[in-house]
Amino acid sequence: MSLGISLVSMSKVLKTMGKDDSLTIRVNDDSDSIVIAMESR
C-alpha cells in the first residue's frame, strides 16, 4: 500500500512535536485518505 505522503511535509509536521507528544496515523484500506492525529502531553 502506498500512502503518497510527502516526506518533506511529514518532516515539517514532526518537527513541531515535543519529546513527550504522540502521533497516530490511521489509514483505512477502503479509503484514499489518512488521518494524522497529534497529541500534546
PDB file of N, CA and C in Angstrom:
ATOM      1  N   MET A   1       0.848  -1.176   0.000  1.00  0.00           N
ATOM      2  CA  MET A   1       0.000   0.000   0.000  1.00  0.00           C
ATOM      3  C   MET A   1       0.889   1.234   0.000  1.00  0.00           C
ATOM      4  N   SER A   2       0.661   2.095  -0.919  1.00  0.00           N
ATOM      5  CA  SER A   2       1.383   3.355  -0.996  1.00  0.00           C
ATOM      6  C   SER A   2       0.500   4.469  -0.441  1.00  0.00           C
ATOM      7  N   LEU A   3       1.046   5.245   0.507  1.00  0.00           N
ATOM      8  CA  LEU A   3       0.265   6.320   1.120  1.00  0.00           C
ATOM      9  C   LEU A   3       0.412   7.642   0.382  1.00  0.00           C
ATOM     10  N   GLY A   4       1.494   7.823  -0.338  1.00  0.00           N
ATOM     11  CA  GLY A   4       1.691   9.056  -1.086  1.00  0.00           C
ATOM     12  C   GLY A   4       1.910  10.276  -0.212  1.00  0.00           C
ATOM     13  N   ILE A   5       2.622  10.106   0.890  1.00  0.00           N
ATOM     14  CA  ILE A   5       2.900  11.213   1.806  1.00  0.00           C
ATOM     15  C   ILE A   5       4.226  11.858   1.407  1.00  0.00           C
ATOM     16  N   SER A   6       4.230  13.164   1.288  1.00  0.00           N
ATOM     17  CA  SER A   6       5.464  13.896   1.015  1.00  0.00           C
ATOM     18  C   SER A   6       6.345  13.852   2.262  1.00  0.00           C
ATOM     19  N   LEU A   7       7.561  13.336   2.110  1.00  0.00           N
ATOM     20  CA  LEU A   7       8.460  13.254   3.260  1.00  0.00           C
ATOM     21  C   LEU A   7       8.880  14.629   3.750  1.00  0.00           C
ATOM     22  N   VAL A   8       8.976  15.586   2.857  1.00  0.00           N
ATOM     23  CA  VAL A   8       9.310  16.957   3.258  1.00  0.00           C
ATOM     24  C   VAL A   8       8.198  17.519   4.140  1.00  0.00           C
ATOM     25  N   SER A   9       6.954  17.343   3.716  1.00  0.00           N
ATOM     26  CA  SER A   9       5.816  17.829   4.504  1.00  0.00           C
ATOM     27  C   SER A   9       5.708  17.094   5.832  1.00  0.00           C
ATOM     28  N   MET A  10       5.916  15.772   5.811  1.00  0.00           N
ATOM     29  CA  MET A  10       5.824  14.986   7.039  1.00  0.00           C
ATOM     30  C   MET A  10       6.913  15.391   8.025  1.00  0.00           C
ATOM     31  N   SER A  11       8.111  15.696   7.538  1.00  0.00           N
ATOM     32  CA  SER A  11       9.184  16.112   8.438  1.00  0.00           C
ATOM     33  C   SER A  11       8.870  17.452   9.093  1.00  0.00           C
ATOM     34  N   LYS A  12       8.188  18.349   8.380  1.00  0.00           N
ATOM     35  CA  LYS A  12       7.785  19.630   8.965  1.00  0.00           C
ATOM     36  C   LYS A  12       6.783  19.416  10.092  1.00  0.00           C
ATOM     37  N   VAL A  13       5.864  18.478   9.906  1.00  0.00           N
ATOM     38  CA  VAL A  13       4.889  18.153  10.954  1.00  0.00           C
ATOM     39  C   VAL A  13       5.605  17.575  12.166  1.00  0.00           C
ATOM     40  N   LEU A  14       6.519  16.653  11.936  1.00  0.00           N
ATOM     41  CA  LEU A  14       7.222  16.006  13.043  1.00  0.00           C
ATOM     42  C   LEU A  14       8.089  16.984  13.832  1.00  0.00           C
ATOM     43  N   LYS A  15       8.637  17.994  13.176  1.00  0.00           N
ATOM     44  CA  LYS A  15       9.476  18.979  13.858  1.00  0.00           C
ATOM     45  C   LYS A  15       8.682  19.854  14.821  1.00  0.00           C
ATOM     46  N   THR A  16       7.368  19.925  14.653  1.00  0.00           N
ATOM     47  CA  THR A  16       6.549  20.736  15.554  1.00  0.00           C
ATOM     48  C   THR A  16       6.218  20.005  16.849  1.00  0.00           C
ATOM     49  N   MET A  17       6.528  18.722  16.900  1.00  0.00           N
ATOM     50  CA  MET A  17       6.169  17.920  18.068  1.00  0.00           C
ATOM     51  C   MET A  17       7.217  18.035  19.164  1.00  0.00           C
ATOM     52  N   GLY A  18       6.744  17.951  20.401  1.00  0.00           N
ATOM     53  CA  GLY A  18       7.630  17.915  21.548  1.00  0.00           C
ATOM     54  C   GLY A  18       8.056  16.490  21.840  1.00  0.00           C
ATOM     55  N   LYS A  19       9.012  16.313  22.736  1.00  0.00           N
ATOM     56  CA  LYS A  19       9.547  14.975  23.006  1.00  0.00           C
ATOM     57  C   LYS A  19       8.537  14.051  23.680  1.00  0.00           C
ATOM     58  N   ASP A  20       7.540  14.597  24.359  1.00  0.00           N
ATOM     59  CA  ASP A  20       6.536  13.769  25.029  1.00  0.00           C
ATOM     60  C   ASP A  20       5.228  13.663  24.248  1.00  0.00           C
ATOM     61  N   ASP A  21       5.145  14.292  23.081  1.00  0.00           N
ATOM     62  CA  ASP A  21       3.934  14.249  22.266  1.00  0.00           C
ATOM     63  C   ASP A  21       3.820  12.901  21.557  1.00  0.00           C
ATOM     64  N   SER A  22       2.607  12.573  21.131  1.00  0.00           N
ATOM     65  CA  SER A  22       2.409  11.328  20.389  1.00  0.00           C
ATOM     66  C   SER A  22       1.760  11.625  19.045  1.00  0.00           C
ATOM     67  N   LEU A  23       2.022  10.751  18.099  1.00  0.00           N
ATOM     68  CA  LEU A  23       1.499  10.885  16.742  1.00  0.00           C
ATOM     69  C   LEU A  23       0.823   9.573  16.362  1.00  0.00           C
ATOM     70  N   THR A  24      -0.407   9.666  15.872  1.00  0.00           N
ATOM     71  CA  THR A  24      -1.142   8.495  15.407  1.00  0.00           C
ATOM     72  C   THR A  24      -1.499   8.705  13.946  1.00  0.00           C
ATOM     73  N   ILE A  25      -1.184   7.717  13.127  1.00  0.00           N
ATOM     74  CA  ILE A  25      -1.533   7.758  11.704  1.00  0.00           C
ATOM     75  C   ILE A  25      -2.489   6.607  11.436  1.00  0.00           C
ATOM     76  N   ARG A  26      -3.684   6.942  10.951  1.00  0.00           N
ATOM     77  CA  ARG A  26      -4.693   5.922  10.650  1.00  0.00           C
ATOM     78  C   ARG A  26      -4.980   5.906   9.154  1.00  0.00           C
ATOM     79  N   VAL A  27      -5.003   4.703   8.598  1.00  0.00           N
ATOM     80  CA  VAL A  27      -5.310   4.521   7.182  1.00  0.00           C
ATOM     81  C   VAL A  27      -6.350   3.417   7.067  1.00  0.00           C
ATOM     82  N   ASN A  28      -7.422   3.688   6.350  1.00  0.00           N
ATOM     83  CA  ASN A  28      -8.416   2.662   6.071  1.00  0.00           C
ATOM     84  C   ASN A  28      -8.100   2.034   4.722  1.00  0.00           C
ATOM     85  N   ASP A  29      -8.243   0.716   4.626  1.00  0.00           N
ATOM     86  CA  ASP A  29      -7.962   0.018   3.371  1.00  0.00           C
ATOM     87  C   ASP A  29      -8.877   0.472   2.242  1.00  0.00           C
ATOM     88  N   ASP A  30     -10.097   0.857   2.573  1.00  0.00           N
ATOM     89  CA  ASP A  30     -11.067   1.214   1.540  1.00  0.00           C
ATOM     90  C   ASP A  30     -11.176   2.723   1.308  1.00  0.00           C
ATOM     91  N   SER A  31     -10.203   3.480   1.800  1.00  0.00           N
ATOM     92  CA  SER A  31     -10.260   4.935   1.676  1.00  0.00           C
ATOM     93  C   SER A  31      -9.008   5.450   0.977  1.00  0.00           C
ATOM     94  N   ASP A  32      -9.112   6.632   0.405  1.00  0.00           N
ATOM     95  CA  ASP A  32      -7.946   7.238  -0.232  1.00  0.00           C
ATOM     96  C   ASP A  32      -7.398   8.398   0.596  1.00  0.00           C
ATOM     97  N   SER A  33      -7.651   8.349   1.895  1.00  0.00           N
ATOM     98  CA  SER A  33      -7.162   9.407   2.771  1.00  0.00           C
ATOM     99  C   SER A  33      -6.577   8.808   4.046  1.00  0.00           C
ATOM    100  N   ILE A  34      -5.793   9.627   4.745  1.00  0.00           N
ATOM    101  CA  ILE A  34      -5.232   9.228   6.029  1.00  0.00           C
ATOM    102  C   ILE A  34      -5.635  10.257   7.077  1.00  0.00           C
ATOM    103  N   VAL A  35      -5.582   9.838   8.330  1.00  0.00           N
ATOM    104  CA  VAL A  35      -5.848  10.736   9.448  1.00  0.00           C
ATOM    105  C   VAL A  35      -4.581  10.785  10.293  1.00  0.00           C
ATOM    106  N   ILE A  36      -4.065  11.979  10.502  1.00  0.00           N
ATOM    107  CA  ILE A  36      -2.887  12.172  11.342  1.00  0.00           C
ATOM    108  C   ILE A  36      -3.333  12.949  12.571  1.00  0.00           C
ATOM    109  N   ALA A  37      -3.154  12.342  13.741  1.00  0.00           N
ATOM    110  CA  ALA A  37      -3.560  12.979  14.994  1.00  0.00           C
ATOM    111  C   ALA A  37      -2.331  13.173  15.877  1.00  0.00           C
ATOM    112  N   MET A  38      -2.122  14.416  16.310  1.00  0.00           N
ATOM    113  CA  MET A  38      -1.034  14.731  17.227  1.00  0.00           C
ATOM    114  C   MET A  38      -1.636  15.027  18.590  1.00  0.00           C
ATOM    115  N   GLU A  39      -1.004  14.493  19.633  1.00  0.00           N
ATOM    116  CA  GLU A  39      -1.488  14.721  20.992  1.00  0.00           C
ATOM    117  C   GLU A  39      -0.349  15.270  21.839  1.00  0.00           C
ATOM    118  N   SER A  40      -0.620  16.370  22.501  1.00  0.00           N
ATOM    119  CA  SER A  40       0.365  17.003  23.363  1.00  0.00           C
ATOM    120  C   SER A  40       0.197  16.473  24.778  1.00  0.00           C
ATOM    121  N   ARG A  41       1.310  16.191  25.429  1.00  0.00           N
ATOM    122  CA  ARG A  41       1.242  15.656  26.801  1.00  0.00           C
ATOM    123  C   ARG A  41       1.894  16.582  27.771  1.00  0.00           C
TER     124      ARG A  41
END
